[in-house]
Amino acid sequence: MRRSQKAEEIGTILDELYPEQPIPLDHSDPYTLLVAVMLSAQTTDKKVNEVTPDLFAKADTPQKMANLGVEEIHDLIRQIGLAPTKAKNLKRMAEQIVEDGGPVRPDWEFLESLAGVGHKTASVVMAQAFGISAFPVDTHIHRLAARWGLSNGSNVVKTERDLKSVFPEDTWNRRHLQIIYFGREHCPALRHDLEQCLICSWAATKKRKREELST
């Protein structure tokens, strides 16, 4: 089966399972989404959503965040993984937005120039805050793209390129969320029976199934 055919069938299954795709990170605007995504690195969305209400009560705008000290930001997010680094990045990111003269704007170069903001974080904000076609690749998506034979899994840059080539552009923004949900609910990284999986059972190669069975 060609990758494009496989992607089409996977898309049909994902649309049936997840006709709605709520964004798992609580936010109220592009800026608070940006902050939440920055905090989510190596941390669960659940934990981020537990921390952000107190953070946003103090700093729900770039100006308010820029006015806080790094130590105060750290105290508000201390339960989050990599909190010291993230606190520094949040303050500097907010200062950069203020220096830019306004709110978070849908510009790739601008977003990726912000402290602590890489391509994946910028992609989430572009897709989910501004509706601009993007295909953010997190660990779930990178893992499942390789497991399903849609990419060889060599690196996230190649995975993103491969997924963009097999899924129609008008599906990217929902597809990346659907794959995340599927990974969490049906296709875990460990102790997963590929033969019983709704997608892996037919999308994964025999070689892949053997490899995972032996680990």
N, C-alpha and C. Protein backbone atom coordinates (compact mmCIF):
# COMPACT_ATOMS: atom_id res chain seq x y z
N MET A 1 0.85 -1.20 0.00
CA MET A 1 0.00 0.00 0.00
C MET A 1 0.88 1.26 0.00
N ARG A 2 0.61 2.18 -0.91
CA ARG A 2 1.37 3.42 -0.96
C ARG A 2 1.10 4.26 0.28
N ARG A 3 2.06 5.11 0.61
CA ARG A 3 1.91 5.96 1.79
C ARG A 3 0.67 6.84 1.69
N SER A 4 0.40 7.35 0.48
CA SER A 4 -0.75 8.24 0.31
C SER A 4 -2.06 7.49 0.57
N GLN A 5 -2.14 6.24 0.13
CA GLN A 5 -3.33 5.43 0.38
C GLN A 5 -3.47 5.13 1.88
N LYS A 6 -2.35 4.81 2.48
CA LYS A 6 -2.35 4.53 3.92
C LYS A 6 -2.82 5.76 4.70
N ALA A 7 -2.29 6.92 4.33
CA ALA A 7 -2.66 8.16 5.01
C ALA A 7 -4.16 8.45 4.84
N GLU A 8 -4.69 8.17 3.67
CA GLU A 8 -6.11 8.41 3.42
C GLU A 8 -6.97 7.53 4.34
N GLU A 9 -6.60 6.27 4.46
CA GLU A 9 -7.38 5.37 5.33
C GLU A 9 -7.22 5.74 6.79
N ILE A 10 -6.01 6.13 7.18
CA ILE A 10 -5.79 6.58 8.56
C ILE A 10 -6.62 7.83 8.84
N GLY A 11 -6.65 8.75 7.89
CA GLY A 11 -7.44 9.96 8.06
C GLY A 11 -8.92 9.67 8.25
N THR A 12 -9.43 8.70 7.51
CA THR A 12 -10.85 8.32 7.65
C THR A 12 -11.13 7.80 9.06
N ILE A 13 -10.24 6.95 9.58
CA ILE A 13 -10.41 6.41 10.93
C ILE A 13 -10.34 7.52 11.97
N LEU A 14 -9.37 8.42 11.82
CA LEU A 14 -9.21 9.51 12.78
C LEU A 14 -10.39 10.46 12.77
N ASP A 15 -10.94 10.73 11.58
CA ASP A 15 -12.11 11.61 11.50
C ASP A 15 -13.33 10.99 12.17
N GLU A 16 -13.43 9.66 12.08
CA GLU A 16 -14.55 8.98 12.73
C GLU A 16 -14.38 8.98 14.24
N LEU A 17 -13.17 8.77 14.70
CA LEU A 17 -12.91 8.73 16.14
C LEU A 17 -12.94 10.11 16.78
N TYR A 18 -12.44 11.10 16.07
CA TYR A 18 -12.29 12.44 16.64
C TYR A 18 -12.85 13.51 15.70
N PRO A 19 -14.18 13.54 15.55
CA PRO A 19 -14.78 14.56 14.69
C PRO A 19 -14.58 15.98 15.25
N GLU A 20 -14.40 16.07 16.55
CA GLU A 20 -14.06 17.34 17.19
C GLU A 20 -12.67 17.18 17.81
N GLN A 21 -11.88 18.25 17.77
CA GLN A 21 -10.52 18.17 18.27
C GLN A 21 -10.23 19.34 19.21
N PRO A 22 -10.73 19.28 20.44
CA PRO A 22 -10.44 20.36 21.38
C PRO A 22 -8.95 20.47 21.65
N ILE A 23 -8.47 21.68 21.78
CA ILE A 23 -7.06 21.88 22.10
C ILE A 23 -6.84 21.50 23.56
N PRO A 24 -5.93 20.58 23.84
CA PRO A 24 -5.80 20.07 25.20
C PRO A 24 -5.21 21.04 26.22
N LEU A 25 -4.65 22.14 25.76
CA LEU A 25 -4.07 23.13 26.67
C LEU A 25 -5.04 24.30 26.86
N ASP A 26 -5.40 24.58 28.11
CA ASP A 26 -6.33 25.67 28.39
C ASP A 26 -5.68 27.02 28.06
N HIS A 27 -6.42 27.86 27.37
CA HIS A 27 -5.90 29.18 26.99
C HIS A 27 -7.07 30.06 26.59
N SER A 28 -6.82 31.35 26.44
CA SER A 28 -7.89 32.28 26.06
C SER A 28 -7.56 33.10 24.83
N ASP A 29 -6.31 33.09 24.39
CA ASP A 29 -5.90 33.87 23.23
C ASP A 29 -4.55 33.35 22.74
N PRO A 30 -4.03 33.89 21.63
CA PRO A 30 -2.76 33.38 21.11
C PRO A 30 -1.61 33.46 22.11
N TYR A 31 -1.57 34.52 22.90
CA TYR A 31 -0.47 34.65 23.86
C TYR A 31 -0.53 33.56 24.94
N THR A 32 -1.70 33.34 25.53
CA THR A 32 -1.79 32.33 26.59
C THR A 32 -1.59 30.92 26.01
N LEU A 33 -1.97 30.71 24.75
CA LEU A 33 -1.68 29.42 24.11
C LEU A 33 -0.17 29.26 23.95
N LEU A 34 0.50 30.32 23.52
CA LEU A 34 1.95 30.27 23.36
C LEU A 34 2.63 29.91 24.68
N VAL A 35 2.21 30.54 25.75
CA VAL A 35 2.79 30.26 27.07
C VAL A 35 2.55 28.80 27.45
N ALA A 36 1.32 28.34 27.26
CA ALA A 36 0.97 26.96 27.63
C ALA A 36 1.79 25.95 26.83
N VAL A 37 1.97 26.20 25.55
CA VAL A 37 2.75 25.28 24.72
C VAL A 37 4.22 25.28 25.16
N MET A 38 4.74 26.45 25.48
CA MET A 38 6.11 26.52 25.97
C MET A 38 6.28 25.71 27.25
N LEU A 39 5.30 25.77 28.12
CA LEU A 39 5.36 25.04 29.39
C LEU A 39 5.21 23.53 29.20
N SER A 40 4.58 23.13 28.10
CA SER A 40 4.24 21.71 27.93
C SER A 40 5.42 20.83 27.54
N ALA A 41 6.55 21.40 27.18
CA ALA A 41 7.71 20.59 26.82
C ALA A 41 8.13 19.72 28.00
N GLN A 42 8.20 18.41 27.77
CA GLN A 42 8.58 17.43 28.79
C GLN A 42 7.69 17.50 30.03
N THR A 43 6.45 17.90 29.82
CA THR A 43 5.47 17.99 30.90
C THR A 43 4.11 17.62 30.34
N THR A 44 3.26 17.00 31.12
CA THR A 44 1.94 16.63 30.62
C THR A 44 1.04 17.86 30.49
N ASP A 45 0.11 17.79 29.55
CA ASP A 45 -0.87 18.87 29.40
C ASP A 45 -1.67 19.04 30.69
N LYS A 46 -1.96 17.94 31.37
CA LYS A 46 -2.71 17.99 32.62
C LYS A 46 -2.00 18.86 33.65
N LYS A 47 -0.71 18.66 33.80
CA LYS A 47 0.06 19.44 34.75
C LYS A 47 0.12 20.90 34.34
N VAL A 48 0.29 21.17 33.04
CA VAL A 48 0.29 22.56 32.56
C VAL A 48 -1.03 23.24 32.91
N ASN A 49 -2.14 22.54 32.68
CA ASN A 49 -3.45 23.13 32.96
C ASN A 49 -3.69 23.34 34.45
N GLU A 50 -2.96 22.63 35.29
CA GLU A 50 -3.05 22.85 36.73
C GLU A 50 -2.28 24.10 37.17
N VAL A 51 -1.24 24.41 36.42
CA VAL A 51 -0.35 25.51 36.79
C VAL A 51 -0.77 26.85 36.18
N THR A 52 -1.27 26.83 34.97
CA THR A 52 -1.51 28.10 34.25
C THR A 52 -2.59 29.00 34.87
N PRO A 53 -3.62 28.50 35.56
CA PRO A 53 -4.58 29.45 36.14
C PRO A 53 -3.93 30.48 37.07
N ASP A 54 -3.04 30.04 37.96
CA ASP A 54 -2.35 30.97 38.86
C ASP A 54 -1.39 31.87 38.08
N LEU A 55 -0.72 31.28 37.07
CA LEU A 55 0.20 32.09 36.27
C LEU A 55 -0.55 33.16 35.51
N PHE A 56 -1.64 32.79 34.87
CA PHE A 56 -2.39 33.75 34.07
C PHE A 56 -3.15 34.77 34.93
N ALA A 57 -3.43 34.43 36.16
CA ALA A 57 -4.04 35.40 37.07
C ALA A 57 -3.09 36.57 37.32
N LYS A 58 -1.80 36.29 37.24
CA LYS A 58 -0.79 37.32 37.44
C LYS A 58 -0.28 37.90 36.13
N ALA A 59 -0.26 37.07 35.08
CA ALA A 59 0.41 37.50 33.84
C ALA A 59 -0.26 36.89 32.63
N ASP A 60 -1.42 37.41 32.26
CA ASP A 60 -2.13 36.90 31.07
C ASP A 60 -1.89 37.76 29.84
N THR A 61 -0.92 38.69 29.94
CA THR A 61 -0.52 39.49 28.79
C THR A 61 1.01 39.57 28.77
N PRO A 62 1.61 39.85 27.63
CA PRO A 62 3.06 39.98 27.58
C PRO A 62 3.58 41.07 28.53
N GLN A 63 2.88 42.19 28.62
CA GLN A 63 3.33 43.28 29.47
C GLN A 63 3.37 42.85 30.94
N LYS A 64 2.33 42.15 31.38
CA LYS A 64 2.31 41.69 32.77
C LYS A 64 3.40 40.66 33.04
N MET A 65 3.63 39.76 32.09
CA MET A 65 4.68 38.77 32.26
C MET A 65 6.05 39.44 32.29
N ALA A 66 6.25 40.41 31.44
CA ALA A 66 7.53 41.11 31.39
C ALA A 66 7.81 41.85 32.68
N ASN A 67 6.76 42.26 33.37
CA ASN A 67 6.92 43.01 34.61
C ASN A 67 7.23 42.12 35.81
N LEU A 68 7.05 40.82 35.67
CA LEU A 68 7.35 39.90 36.75
C LEU A 68 8.85 39.57 36.77
N GLY A 69 9.36 39.25 37.94
CA GLY A 69 10.73 38.79 38.03
C GLY A 69 10.81 37.31 37.68
N VAL A 70 11.98 36.86 37.27
CA VAL A 70 12.16 35.46 36.91
C VAL A 70 11.84 34.55 38.09
N GLU A 71 12.24 34.97 39.30
CA GLU A 71 11.97 34.14 40.48
C GLU A 71 10.48 34.00 40.74
N GLU A 72 9.73 35.07 40.53
CA GLU A 72 8.28 35.01 40.75
C GLU A 72 7.63 34.09 39.71
N ILE A 73 8.06 34.20 38.47
CA ILE A 73 7.54 33.31 37.43
C ILE A 73 7.87 31.86 37.79
N HIS A 74 9.11 31.65 38.23
CA HIS A 74 9.52 30.29 38.60
C HIS A 74 8.66 29.73 39.73
N ASP A 75 8.36 30.56 40.73
CA ASP A 75 7.52 30.10 41.84
C ASP A 75 6.14 29.67 41.34
N LEU A 76 5.63 30.34 40.32
CA LEU A 76 4.30 30.03 39.79
C LEU A 76 4.29 28.76 38.94
N ILE A 77 5.45 28.40 38.38
CA ILE A 77 5.50 27.24 37.48
C ILE A 77 6.43 26.15 38.02
N ARG A 78 6.79 26.20 39.30
CA ARG A 78 7.82 25.31 39.84
C ARG A 78 7.49 23.83 39.70
N GLN A 79 6.20 23.49 39.56
CA GLN A 79 5.82 22.08 39.40
C GLN A 79 6.08 21.55 37.98
N ILE A 80 6.40 22.46 37.08
CA ILE A 80 6.61 22.11 35.67
C ILE A 80 8.05 21.67 35.45
N GLY A 81 8.24 20.67 34.61
CA GLY A 81 9.59 20.25 34.25
C GLY A 81 10.38 21.38 33.62
N LEU A 82 11.67 21.45 33.93
CA LEU A 82 12.57 22.48 33.40
C LEU A 82 12.12 23.89 33.78
N ALA A 83 11.52 24.03 34.96
CA ALA A 83 10.95 25.31 35.38
C ALA A 83 11.96 26.46 35.38
N PRO A 84 13.19 26.29 35.85
CA PRO A 84 14.12 27.43 35.85
C PRO A 84 14.37 28.01 34.45
N THR A 85 14.60 27.12 33.50
CA THR A 85 14.84 27.59 32.13
C THR A 85 13.58 28.20 31.54
N LYS A 86 12.45 27.57 31.77
CA LYS A 86 11.19 28.08 31.22
C LYS A 86 10.84 29.44 31.81
N ALA A 87 11.13 29.65 33.08
CA ALA A 87 10.84 30.95 33.70
C ALA A 87 11.63 32.06 33.01
N LYS A 88 12.91 31.79 32.76
CA LYS A 88 13.75 32.79 32.07
C LYS A 88 13.22 33.04 30.66
N ASN A 89 12.85 31.98 29.97
CA ASN A 89 12.36 32.13 28.60
C ASN A 89 11.03 32.87 28.55
N LEU A 90 10.14 32.58 29.51
CA LEU A 90 8.84 33.26 29.52
C LEU A 90 9.01 34.77 29.68
N LYS A 91 9.88 35.16 30.60
CA LYS A 91 10.10 36.60 30.80
C LYS A 91 10.70 37.24 29.56
N ARG A 92 11.74 36.61 28.99
CA ARG A 92 12.39 37.20 27.81
C ARG A 92 11.45 37.19 26.62
N MET A 93 10.67 36.12 26.45
CA MET A 93 9.70 36.06 25.35
C MET A 93 8.70 37.20 25.47
N ALA A 94 8.20 37.44 26.68
CA ALA A 94 7.24 38.52 26.88
C ALA A 94 7.87 39.88 26.57
N GLU A 95 9.11 40.07 27.00
CA GLU A 95 9.81 41.32 26.72
C GLU A 95 9.96 41.52 25.21
N GLN A 96 10.27 40.46 24.50
CA GLN A 96 10.43 40.57 23.04
C GLN A 96 9.12 40.96 22.37
N ILE A 97 8.00 40.41 22.84
CA ILE A 97 6.70 40.75 22.26
C ILE A 97 6.38 42.22 22.53
N VAL A 98 6.67 42.67 23.76
CA VAL A 98 6.44 44.09 24.10
C VAL A 98 7.32 44.98 23.24
N GLU A 99 8.59 44.60 23.09
CA GLU A 99 9.52 45.37 22.26
C GLU A 99 9.06 45.42 20.80
N ASP A 100 8.39 44.36 20.37
CA ASP A 100 7.88 44.29 19.00
C ASP A 100 6.69 45.23 18.80
N GLY A 101 6.09 45.65 19.90
CA GLY A 101 5.04 46.66 19.82
C GLY A 101 3.61 46.15 19.88
N GLY A 102 3.44 44.88 20.22
CA GLY A 102 2.05 44.46 20.25
C GLY A 102 1.85 43.02 20.66
N PRO A 103 0.73 42.47 20.27
CA PRO A 103 0.41 41.09 20.66
C PRO A 103 1.18 40.07 19.82
N VAL A 104 0.98 38.81 20.16
CA VAL A 104 1.52 37.72 19.35
C VAL A 104 0.89 37.81 17.96
N ARG A 105 1.72 37.74 16.94
CA ARG A 105 1.18 37.85 15.58
C ARG A 105 1.56 36.63 14.75
N PRO A 106 0.74 36.32 13.74
CA PRO A 106 0.95 35.11 12.93
C PRO A 106 2.06 35.27 11.91
N ASP A 107 3.28 35.23 12.39
CA ASP A 107 4.44 35.40 11.53
C ASP A 107 5.49 34.37 11.96
N TRP A 108 5.86 33.47 11.05
CA TRP A 108 6.80 32.40 11.40
C TRP A 108 8.12 32.94 11.93
N GLU A 109 8.70 33.88 11.21
CA GLU A 109 10.01 34.41 11.62
C GLU A 109 9.92 35.06 13.00
N PHE A 110 8.86 35.82 13.23
CA PHE A 110 8.67 36.47 14.53
C PHE A 110 8.54 35.45 15.64
N LEU A 111 7.67 34.47 15.45
CA LEU A 111 7.44 33.48 16.51
C LEU A 111 8.71 32.69 16.82
N GLU A 112 9.42 32.24 15.79
CA GLU A 112 10.59 31.41 16.01
C GLU A 112 11.79 32.21 16.52
N SER A 113 11.67 33.54 16.53
CA SER A 113 12.74 34.38 17.08
C SER A 113 12.57 34.57 18.59
N LEU A 114 11.41 34.19 19.13
CA LEU A 114 11.15 34.40 20.55
C LEU A 114 11.90 33.39 21.41
N ALA A 115 12.32 33.82 22.58
CA ALA A 115 13.06 32.95 23.50
C ALA A 115 12.23 31.74 23.86
N GLY A 116 12.83 30.56 23.77
CA GLY A 116 12.15 29.33 24.15
C GLY A 116 11.14 28.82 23.15
N VAL A 117 11.05 29.45 21.99
CA VAL A 117 10.05 29.06 20.99
C VAL A 117 10.75 28.44 19.79
N GLY A 118 10.55 27.15 19.60
CA GLY A 118 11.09 26.47 18.44
C GLY A 118 10.04 26.31 17.36
N HIS A 119 10.37 25.56 16.34
CA HIS A 119 9.45 25.40 15.21
C HIS A 119 8.16 24.69 15.61
N LYS A 120 8.27 23.68 16.47
CA LYS A 120 7.08 22.94 16.88
C LYS A 120 6.11 23.83 17.64
N THR A 121 6.63 24.62 18.59
CA THR A 121 5.77 25.54 19.36
C THR A 121 5.14 26.57 18.44
N ALA A 122 5.93 27.13 17.55
CA ALA A 122 5.40 28.12 16.60
C ALA A 122 4.31 27.48 15.73
N SER A 123 4.51 26.23 15.35
CA SER A 123 3.53 25.54 14.50
C SER A 123 2.19 25.37 15.22
N VAL A 124 2.25 25.02 16.50
CA VAL A 124 1.00 24.87 17.27
C VAL A 124 0.25 26.20 17.32
N VAL A 125 0.96 27.27 17.59
CA VAL A 125 0.32 28.59 17.68
C VAL A 125 -0.25 29.01 16.33
N MET A 126 0.51 28.81 15.28
CA MET A 126 0.01 29.18 13.94
C MET A 126 -1.24 28.38 13.59
N ALA A 127 -1.22 27.08 13.89
CA ALA A 127 -2.35 26.23 13.52
C ALA A 127 -3.57 26.48 14.40
N GLN A 128 -3.37 26.49 15.71
CA GLN A 128 -4.51 26.49 16.62
C GLN A 128 -4.96 27.87 17.06
N ALA A 129 -4.08 28.85 17.03
CA ALA A 129 -4.49 30.21 17.39
C ALA A 129 -4.91 31.03 16.17
N PHE A 130 -4.26 30.76 15.04
CA PHE A 130 -4.50 31.59 13.86
C PHE A 130 -5.10 30.84 12.67
N GLY A 131 -5.24 29.53 12.77
CA GLY A 131 -5.85 28.76 11.68
C GLY A 131 -5.00 28.66 10.44
N ILE A 132 -3.71 28.88 10.58
CA ILE A 132 -2.79 28.78 9.44
C ILE A 132 -2.28 27.35 9.35
N SER A 133 -2.28 26.78 8.18
CA SER A 133 -1.92 25.38 8.01
C SER A 133 -0.51 25.09 8.50
N ALA A 134 -0.42 24.13 9.42
CA ALA A 134 0.87 23.70 9.96
C ALA A 134 0.70 22.27 10.45
N PHE A 135 1.80 21.57 10.62
CA PHE A 135 1.72 20.19 11.11
C PHE A 135 2.75 20.02 12.23
N PRO A 136 2.42 20.50 13.43
CA PRO A 136 3.36 20.36 14.55
C PRO A 136 3.65 18.88 14.83
N VAL A 137 4.90 18.55 15.02
CA VAL A 137 5.28 17.16 15.28
C VAL A 137 5.83 17.06 16.71
N ASP A 138 5.05 16.44 17.59
CA ASP A 138 5.52 16.17 18.94
C ASP A 138 5.96 14.72 19.03
N THR A 139 6.28 14.26 20.24
CA THR A 139 6.80 12.90 20.38
C THR A 139 5.77 11.85 19.97
N HIS A 140 4.48 12.09 20.27
CA HIS A 140 3.43 11.15 19.87
C HIS A 140 3.39 11.01 18.35
N ILE A 141 3.35 12.14 17.67
CA ILE A 141 3.22 12.13 16.21
C ILE A 141 4.47 11.53 15.56
N HIS A 142 5.63 11.90 16.06
CA HIS A 142 6.88 11.37 15.52
C HIS A 142 6.91 9.85 15.65
N ARG A 143 6.49 9.36 16.80
CA ARG A 143 6.49 7.92 17.06
C ARG A 143 5.49 7.19 16.19
N LEU A 144 4.27 7.72 16.08
CA LEU A 144 3.24 7.02 15.33
C LEU A 144 3.48 7.09 13.82
N ALA A 145 4.04 8.18 13.34
CA ALA A 145 4.34 8.27 11.91
C ALA A 145 5.31 7.17 11.50
N ALA A 146 6.29 6.88 12.37
CA ALA A 146 7.23 5.79 12.09
C ALA A 146 6.57 4.44 12.24
N ARG A 147 5.76 4.29 13.28
CA ARG A 147 5.09 3.01 13.54
C ARG A 147 4.14 2.66 12.39
N TRP A 148 3.50 3.66 11.82
CA TRP A 148 2.54 3.43 10.73
C TRP A 148 3.18 3.41 9.34
N GLY A 149 4.48 3.64 9.28
CA GLY A 149 5.16 3.61 7.99
C GLY A 149 4.93 4.85 7.14
N LEU A 150 4.56 5.96 7.78
CA LEU A 150 4.37 7.20 7.03
C LEU A 150 5.66 8.00 6.95
N SER A 151 6.63 7.66 7.79
CA SER A 151 7.94 8.30 7.77
C SER A 151 8.93 7.30 8.37
N ASN A 152 10.20 7.48 8.07
CA ASN A 152 11.18 6.54 8.62
C ASN A 152 11.61 6.88 10.03
N GLY A 153 11.12 8.02 10.56
CA GLY A 153 11.39 8.36 11.94
C GLY A 153 12.80 8.82 12.23
N SER A 154 13.55 9.21 11.20
CA SER A 154 14.94 9.60 11.42
C SER A 154 15.06 10.88 12.23
N ASN A 155 14.16 11.84 11.99
CA ASN A 155 14.14 13.07 12.79
C ASN A 155 12.80 13.77 12.58
N VAL A 156 12.50 14.71 13.47
CA VAL A 156 11.18 15.35 13.41
C VAL A 156 11.02 16.23 12.17
N VAL A 157 12.11 16.76 11.67
CA VAL A 157 12.03 17.60 10.46
C VAL A 157 11.55 16.76 9.28
N LYS A 158 12.13 15.58 9.14
CA LYS A 158 11.72 14.70 8.05
C LYS A 158 10.30 14.18 8.28
N THR A 159 9.96 13.87 9.52
CA THR A 159 8.60 13.40 9.82
C THR A 159 7.58 14.46 9.42
N GLU A 160 7.84 15.71 9.76
CA GLU A 160 6.92 16.79 9.40
C GLU A 160 6.78 16.89 7.88
N ARG A 161 7.89 16.83 7.18
CA ARG A 161 7.87 16.92 5.72
C ARG A 161 7.10 15.75 5.11
N ASP A 162 7.33 14.55 5.65
CA ASP A 162 6.64 13.37 5.12
C ASP A 162 5.14 13.43 5.36
N LEU A 163 4.74 13.85 6.55
CA LEU A 163 3.31 13.93 6.86
C LEU A 163 2.62 15.00 6.01
N LYS A 164 3.29 16.10 5.80
CA LYS A 164 2.71 17.15 4.95
C LYS A 164 2.54 16.67 3.51
N SER A 165 3.38 15.73 3.10
CA SER A 165 3.30 15.26 1.72
C SER A 165 2.18 14.24 1.51
N VAL A 166 1.73 13.57 2.58
CA VAL A 166 0.72 12.52 2.39
C VAL A 166 -0.67 12.93 2.87
N PHE A 167 -0.75 13.95 3.73
CA PHE A 167 -2.06 14.43 4.16
C PHE A 167 -2.38 15.75 3.46
N PRO A 168 -3.61 15.93 2.96
CA PRO A 168 -3.98 17.19 2.32
C PRO A 168 -3.80 18.37 3.29
N GLU A 169 -3.36 19.50 2.76
CA GLU A 169 -3.05 20.64 3.62
C GLU A 169 -4.24 21.09 4.46
N ASP A 170 -5.47 20.96 3.90
CA ASP A 170 -6.62 21.43 4.66
C ASP A 170 -6.99 20.50 5.83
N THR A 171 -6.23 19.40 5.99
CA THR A 171 -6.47 18.51 7.14
C THR A 171 -5.38 18.63 8.20
N TRP A 172 -4.29 19.33 7.91
CA TRP A 172 -3.14 19.32 8.82
C TRP A 172 -3.50 19.75 10.24
N ASN A 173 -4.25 20.85 10.35
CA ASN A 173 -4.50 21.42 11.68
C ASN A 173 -5.30 20.48 12.58
N ARG A 174 -6.22 19.72 11.99
CA ARG A 174 -6.96 18.77 12.82
C ARG A 174 -6.23 17.44 12.94
N ARG A 175 -5.48 17.09 11.88
CA ARG A 175 -4.85 15.78 11.87
C ARG A 175 -3.81 15.65 12.99
N HIS A 176 -3.05 16.70 13.24
CA HIS A 176 -2.01 16.56 14.26
C HIS A 176 -2.63 16.37 15.64
N LEU A 177 -3.75 17.01 15.91
CA LEU A 177 -4.43 16.79 17.19
C LEU A 177 -5.03 15.39 17.26
N GLN A 178 -5.60 14.95 16.17
CA GLN A 178 -6.20 13.61 16.16
C GLN A 178 -5.15 12.53 16.42
N ILE A 179 -3.98 12.67 15.82
CA ILE A 179 -2.92 11.69 16.03
C ILE A 179 -2.46 11.70 17.48
N ILE A 180 -2.37 12.88 18.07
CA ILE A 180 -2.00 12.97 19.49
C ILE A 180 -3.02 12.23 20.35
N TYR A 181 -4.30 12.48 20.11
CA TYR A 181 -5.34 11.81 20.89
C TYR A 181 -5.29 10.30 20.68
N PHE A 182 -5.09 9.87 19.44
CA PHE A 182 -5.05 8.43 19.17
C PHE A 182 -3.86 7.80 19.89
N GLY A 183 -2.73 8.48 19.87
CA GLY A 183 -1.56 7.94 20.55
C GLY A 183 -1.78 7.78 22.04
N ARG A 184 -2.42 8.75 22.64
CA ARG A 184 -2.66 8.70 24.08
C ARG A 184 -3.70 7.64 24.45
N GLU A 185 -4.71 7.50 23.63
CA GLU A 185 -5.85 6.65 24.01
C GLU A 185 -5.77 5.23 23.45
N HIS A 186 -5.10 5.05 22.31
CA HIS A 186 -5.13 3.74 21.65
C HIS A 186 -3.77 3.18 21.27
N CYS A 187 -2.74 3.99 21.28
CA CYS A 187 -1.48 3.54 20.68
C CYS A 187 -0.27 3.97 21.53
N PRO A 188 -0.17 3.45 22.76
CA PRO A 188 0.92 3.87 23.66
C PRO A 188 2.28 3.40 23.18
N ALA A 189 3.30 4.02 23.71
CA ALA A 189 4.67 3.68 23.28
C ALA A 189 5.08 2.31 23.77
N LEU A 190 4.67 1.94 24.97
CA LEU A 190 5.12 0.68 25.58
C LEU A 190 3.97 -0.30 25.75
N ARG A 191 4.32 -1.59 25.70
CA ARG A 191 3.35 -2.67 25.94
C ARG A 191 2.10 -2.52 25.08
N HIS A 192 2.34 -2.26 23.81
CA HIS A 192 1.24 -2.07 22.86
C HIS A 192 1.19 -3.26 21.89
N ASP A 193 0.04 -3.89 21.79
CA ASP A 193 -0.15 -5.01 20.87
C ASP A 193 -0.54 -4.45 19.50
N LEU A 194 0.45 -4.39 18.62
CA LEU A 194 0.20 -3.81 17.30
C LEU A 194 -0.84 -4.59 16.52
N GLU A 195 -0.90 -5.90 16.73
CA GLU A 195 -1.86 -6.72 15.98
C GLU A 195 -3.30 -6.40 16.34
N GLN A 196 -3.52 -5.86 17.54
CA GLN A 196 -4.88 -5.55 17.99
C GLN A 196 -5.25 -4.08 17.80
N CYS A 197 -4.29 -3.28 17.36
CA CYS A 197 -4.52 -1.84 17.22
C CYS A 197 -5.34 -1.53 15.97
N LEU A 198 -6.23 -0.58 16.10
CA LEU A 198 -7.13 -0.19 15.01
C LEU A 198 -6.37 0.27 13.76
N ILE A 199 -5.20 0.84 13.95
CA ILE A 199 -4.40 1.31 12.82
C ILE A 199 -3.12 0.47 12.63
N CYS A 200 -2.39 0.23 13.71
CA CYS A 200 -1.13 -0.51 13.60
C CYS A 200 -1.32 -1.89 12.99
N SER A 201 -2.46 -2.51 13.25
CA SER A 201 -2.70 -3.89 12.80
C SER A 201 -2.54 -4.04 11.30
N TRP A 202 -2.85 -3.00 10.54
CA TRP A 202 -2.72 -3.09 9.09
C TRP A 202 -1.70 -2.09 8.52
N ALA A 203 -1.40 -1.01 9.27
CA ALA A 203 -0.49 0.01 8.74
C ALA A 203 0.98 -0.30 9.04
N ALA A 204 1.24 -0.93 10.17
CA ALA A 204 2.63 -1.24 10.52
C ALA A 204 3.13 -2.41 9.67
N THR A 205 4.40 -2.37 9.32
CA THR A 205 4.98 -3.45 8.52
C THR A 205 5.23 -4.67 9.42
N LYS A 206 5.39 -5.82 8.79
CA LYS A 206 5.72 -7.03 9.55
C LYS A 206 7.04 -6.85 10.29
N LYS A 207 7.98 -6.17 9.64
CA LYS A 207 9.27 -5.93 10.27
C LYS A 207 9.09 -5.08 11.53
N ARG A 208 8.26 -4.05 11.43
CA ARG A 208 8.02 -3.20 12.59
C ARG A 208 7.35 -3.97 13.73
N LYS A 209 6.40 -4.81 13.38
CA LYS A 209 5.73 -5.61 14.40
C LYS A 209 6.70 -6.55 15.10
N ARG A 210 7.60 -7.15 14.33
CA ARG A 210 8.60 -8.03 14.93
C ARG A 210 9.52 -7.26 15.86
N GLU A 211 9.93 -6.10 15.42
CA GLU A 211 10.85 -5.27 16.22
C GLU A 211 10.22 -4.89 17.55
N GLU A 212 8.96 -4.49 17.53
CA GLU A 212 8.31 -4.06 18.77
C GLU A 212 7.98 -5.25 19.66
N LEU A 213 7.73 -6.39 19.04
CA LEU A 213 7.44 -7.59 19.83
C LEU A 213 8.67 -8.05 20.61
N SER A 214 9.85 -7.74 20.06
CA SER A 214 11.09 -8.21 20.69
C SER A 214 11.61 -7.25 21.74
N THR A 215 11.01 -6.06 21.87
CA THR A 215 11.50 -5.09 22.85
C THR A 215 10.80 -5.24 24.18
